[in-house]
Amino acid sequence: GRMVVKNEDCSFSKLLEQINTIFSAQCAENKQTYNCHIQGEIDDYYIGDNMKLRQVLINILGNAVKFTPSGGKVTVSLSETRDNVVFKVAESGVGIANGDLPKIYDRFYRAERSRGTPGSGLGLSLVRAVVTFYGGDIDCRSEPGSGTVFTVTLPKRE
């Protein structure tokens, strides 16, 4: 299908601040440690679709919380380079098997370990579609049993 997007002013730091309260409370309820770092003065005003970019953050953070056990840790950071805004989520959860990594962005794909948890298998495919639409990149590094790190890099837009 086609993605319909709005072109409006948005700020990643403000989007992250808006959802930060939700995820910090959810982590506290799950007995997980939650840390959020916005590095420096982020000059991240961007022309984009606030709802779509917010959904990118929510999907990645939601997965991190879902797959991190009680006592685990979820760390979120937002930083920038000269040309990009970088959003990173690291968690100490179950990790993703090497054989599953190439498929995690496929629509409806659910790794064997995740089939017992709620979800449709659409979240990461939607995340990748939005990130790609904006000319960005998403990277996933994972070690089974040790956790996963997702990094979203989006070019700044004037």
Protein backbone atom coordinates (compact mmCIF):
# COMPACT_ATOMS: atom_id res chain seq x y z
CA GLY A 1 0.00 0.00 0.00
CA ARG A 2 0.85 3.66 0.13
CA MET A 3 1.88 5.67 3.14
CA VAL A 4 0.11 8.98 3.63
CA VAL A 5 2.19 11.45 5.63
CA LYS A 6 1.80 14.98 6.87
CA ASN A 7 4.55 17.54 6.57
CA GLU A 8 4.68 19.41 9.86
CA ASP A 9 7.28 20.66 12.32
CA CYS A 10 8.28 17.99 14.79
CA SER A 11 10.98 17.48 17.36
CA PHE A 12 12.40 14.09 18.34
CA SER A 13 13.33 15.32 21.79
CA LYS A 14 9.74 16.48 22.41
CA LEU A 15 8.33 13.23 21.01
CA LEU A 16 10.64 11.24 23.28
CA GLU A 17 9.73 13.37 26.30
CA GLN A 18 6.02 12.74 25.60
CA ILE A 19 6.35 8.95 25.56
CA ASN A 20 9.08 8.78 28.21
CA THR A 21 6.57 8.98 31.07
CA ILE A 22 4.57 6.05 29.69
CA PHE A 23 7.58 3.76 29.28
CA SER A 24 9.31 4.71 32.51
CA ALA A 25 6.07 3.87 34.39
CA GLN A 26 5.67 0.61 32.47
CA CYS A 27 9.26 -0.39 33.28
CA ALA A 28 8.76 0.45 36.96
CA GLU A 29 5.66 -1.75 36.99
CA ASN A 30 7.65 -4.58 35.34
CA LYS A 31 10.53 -4.09 37.80
CA GLN A 32 12.85 -3.08 34.95
CA THR A 33 15.41 -0.29 35.10
CA TYR A 34 14.65 2.48 32.60
CA ASN A 35 17.15 5.16 31.59
CA CYS A 36 16.64 7.92 29.04
CA HIS A 37 19.46 10.16 27.84
CA ILE A 38 18.95 13.13 25.55
CA GLN A 39 22.51 14.11 24.75
CA GLY A 40 23.15 17.83 24.76
CA GLU A 41 20.97 20.44 23.16
CA ILE A 42 19.34 18.54 20.34
CA ASP A 43 18.58 20.86 17.44
CA ASP A 44 16.23 18.32 15.95
CA TYR A 45 13.35 20.24 14.45
CA TYR A 46 12.32 18.27 11.46
CA ILE A 47 9.66 18.41 8.80
CA GLY A 48 7.80 15.14 9.10
CA ASP A 49 4.72 13.40 10.38
CA ASN A 50 4.59 13.57 14.19
CA MET A 51 2.27 10.56 14.50
CA LYS A 52 4.37 8.33 12.24
CA LEU A 53 7.66 9.31 13.90
CA ARG A 54 6.10 8.88 17.35
CA GLN A 55 4.95 5.40 16.29
CA VAL A 56 8.55 4.52 15.34
CA LEU A 57 9.68 5.39 18.88
CA ILE A 58 6.72 3.62 20.51
CA ASN A 59 7.14 0.40 18.50
CA ILE A 60 10.85 0.06 19.25
CA LEU A 61 10.46 0.97 22.93
CA GLY A 62 7.40 -1.25 23.28
CA ASN A 63 9.34 -4.24 21.97
CA ALA A 64 12.24 -3.47 24.29
CA VAL A 65 9.96 -3.44 27.34
CA LYS A 66 8.04 -6.52 26.16
CA PHE A 67 11.15 -8.65 25.68
CA THR A 68 13.09 -7.53 28.75
CA PRO A 69 12.48 -9.66 31.85
CA SER A 70 11.87 -8.35 35.35
CA GLY A 71 15.16 -7.06 36.73
CA GLY A 72 16.36 -6.17 33.22
CA LYS A 73 17.33 -2.81 31.81
CA VAL A 74 16.02 -0.61 28.99
CA THR A 75 18.15 2.36 27.92
CA VAL A 76 17.03 5.00 25.44
CA SER A 77 19.23 7.69 23.96
CA LEU A 78 18.75 10.52 21.54
CA SER A 79 21.73 12.27 20.00
CA GLU A 80 22.67 14.09 16.84
CA THR A 81 25.48 14.39 14.40
CA ARG A 82 25.94 17.26 11.98
CA ASP A 83 23.55 15.64 9.50
CA ASN A 84 21.48 13.13 11.48
CA VAL A 85 19.30 12.52 14.50
CA VAL A 86 20.11 9.17 16.17
CA PHE A 87 17.64 7.30 18.37
CA LYS A 88 18.96 4.20 20.14
CA VAL A 89 17.21 1.64 22.34
CA ALA A 90 19.26 -1.00 24.17
CA GLU A 91 17.72 -3.71 26.32
CA SER A 92 18.97 -6.67 28.31
CA GLY A 93 16.25 -9.05 27.15
CA VAL A 94 16.22 -12.44 25.49
CA GLY A 95 17.92 -11.29 22.29
CA ILE A 96 17.15 -12.32 18.74
CA ALA A 97 18.54 -15.49 17.21
CA ASN A 98 20.99 -14.88 14.35
CA GLY A 99 18.75 -16.77 11.93
CA ASP A 100 15.81 -14.50 12.77
CA LEU A 101 17.64 -11.15 12.40
CA PRO A 102 17.31 -10.89 8.59
CA LYS A 103 13.53 -11.49 8.84
CA ILE A 104 12.50 -9.20 11.71
CA TYR A 105 11.36 -6.42 9.34
CA ASP A 106 9.20 -8.76 7.24
CA ARG A 107 5.46 -8.20 7.57
CA PHE A 108 3.80 -10.64 9.98
CA TYR A 109 7.10 -12.33 10.87
CA ARG A 110 7.25 -13.56 14.46
CA ALA A 111 10.39 -15.25 15.72
CA GLU A 112 9.83 -18.53 17.53
CA ARG A 113 10.65 -16.94 20.92
CA SER A 114 8.08 -14.17 20.43
CA ARG A 115 5.11 -16.26 19.35
CA GLY A 116 3.80 -16.57 22.91
CA THR A 117 3.69 -12.79 23.40
CA PRO A 118 1.01 -10.40 22.12
CA GLY A 119 1.62 -8.78 18.75
CA SER A 120 0.94 -9.12 15.05
CA GLY A 121 4.42 -9.02 13.56
CA LEU A 122 3.72 -5.70 11.84
CA GLY A 123 5.49 -3.24 14.17
CA LEU A 124 9.05 -3.47 12.85
CA SER A 125 7.92 -3.60 9.21
CA LEU A 126 6.03 -0.34 9.77
CA VAL A 127 9.03 1.15 11.58
CA ARG A 128 11.30 0.30 8.65
CA ALA A 129 8.79 1.70 6.13
CA VAL A 130 8.63 5.05 7.94
CA VAL A 131 12.40 5.25 8.50
CA THR A 132 13.08 4.37 4.86
CA PHE A 133 10.49 6.88 3.65
CA TYR A 134 12.42 9.63 5.44
CA GLY A 135 15.75 8.50 3.97
CA GLY A 136 16.96 7.00 7.24
CA ASP A 137 18.38 3.71 8.37
CA ILE A 138 17.52 1.20 11.09
CA ASP A 139 20.09 -1.20 12.49
CA CYS A 140 19.62 -4.07 14.90
CA ARG A 141 22.41 -5.76 16.86
CA SER A 142 21.48 -8.67 19.08
CA GLU A 143 23.10 -11.37 21.14
CA PRO A 144 20.77 -14.21 22.15
CA GLY A 145 20.48 -14.21 25.92
CA SER A 146 22.17 -10.81 26.26
CA GLY A 147 19.81 -8.31 24.68
CA THR A 148 19.27 -6.19 21.62
CA VAL A 149 20.17 -2.69 20.42
CA PHE A 150 18.12 -0.88 17.79
CA THR A 151 19.56 2.28 16.23
CA VAL A 152 17.46 4.57 14.05
CA THR A 153 19.31 7.24 12.10
CA LEU A 154 17.29 9.90 10.31
CA PRO A 155 18.73 12.75 8.26
CA LYS A 156 17.96 16.21 9.52
CA ARG A 157 15.61 18.13 7.26
CA GLU A 158 15.36 21.85 6.90
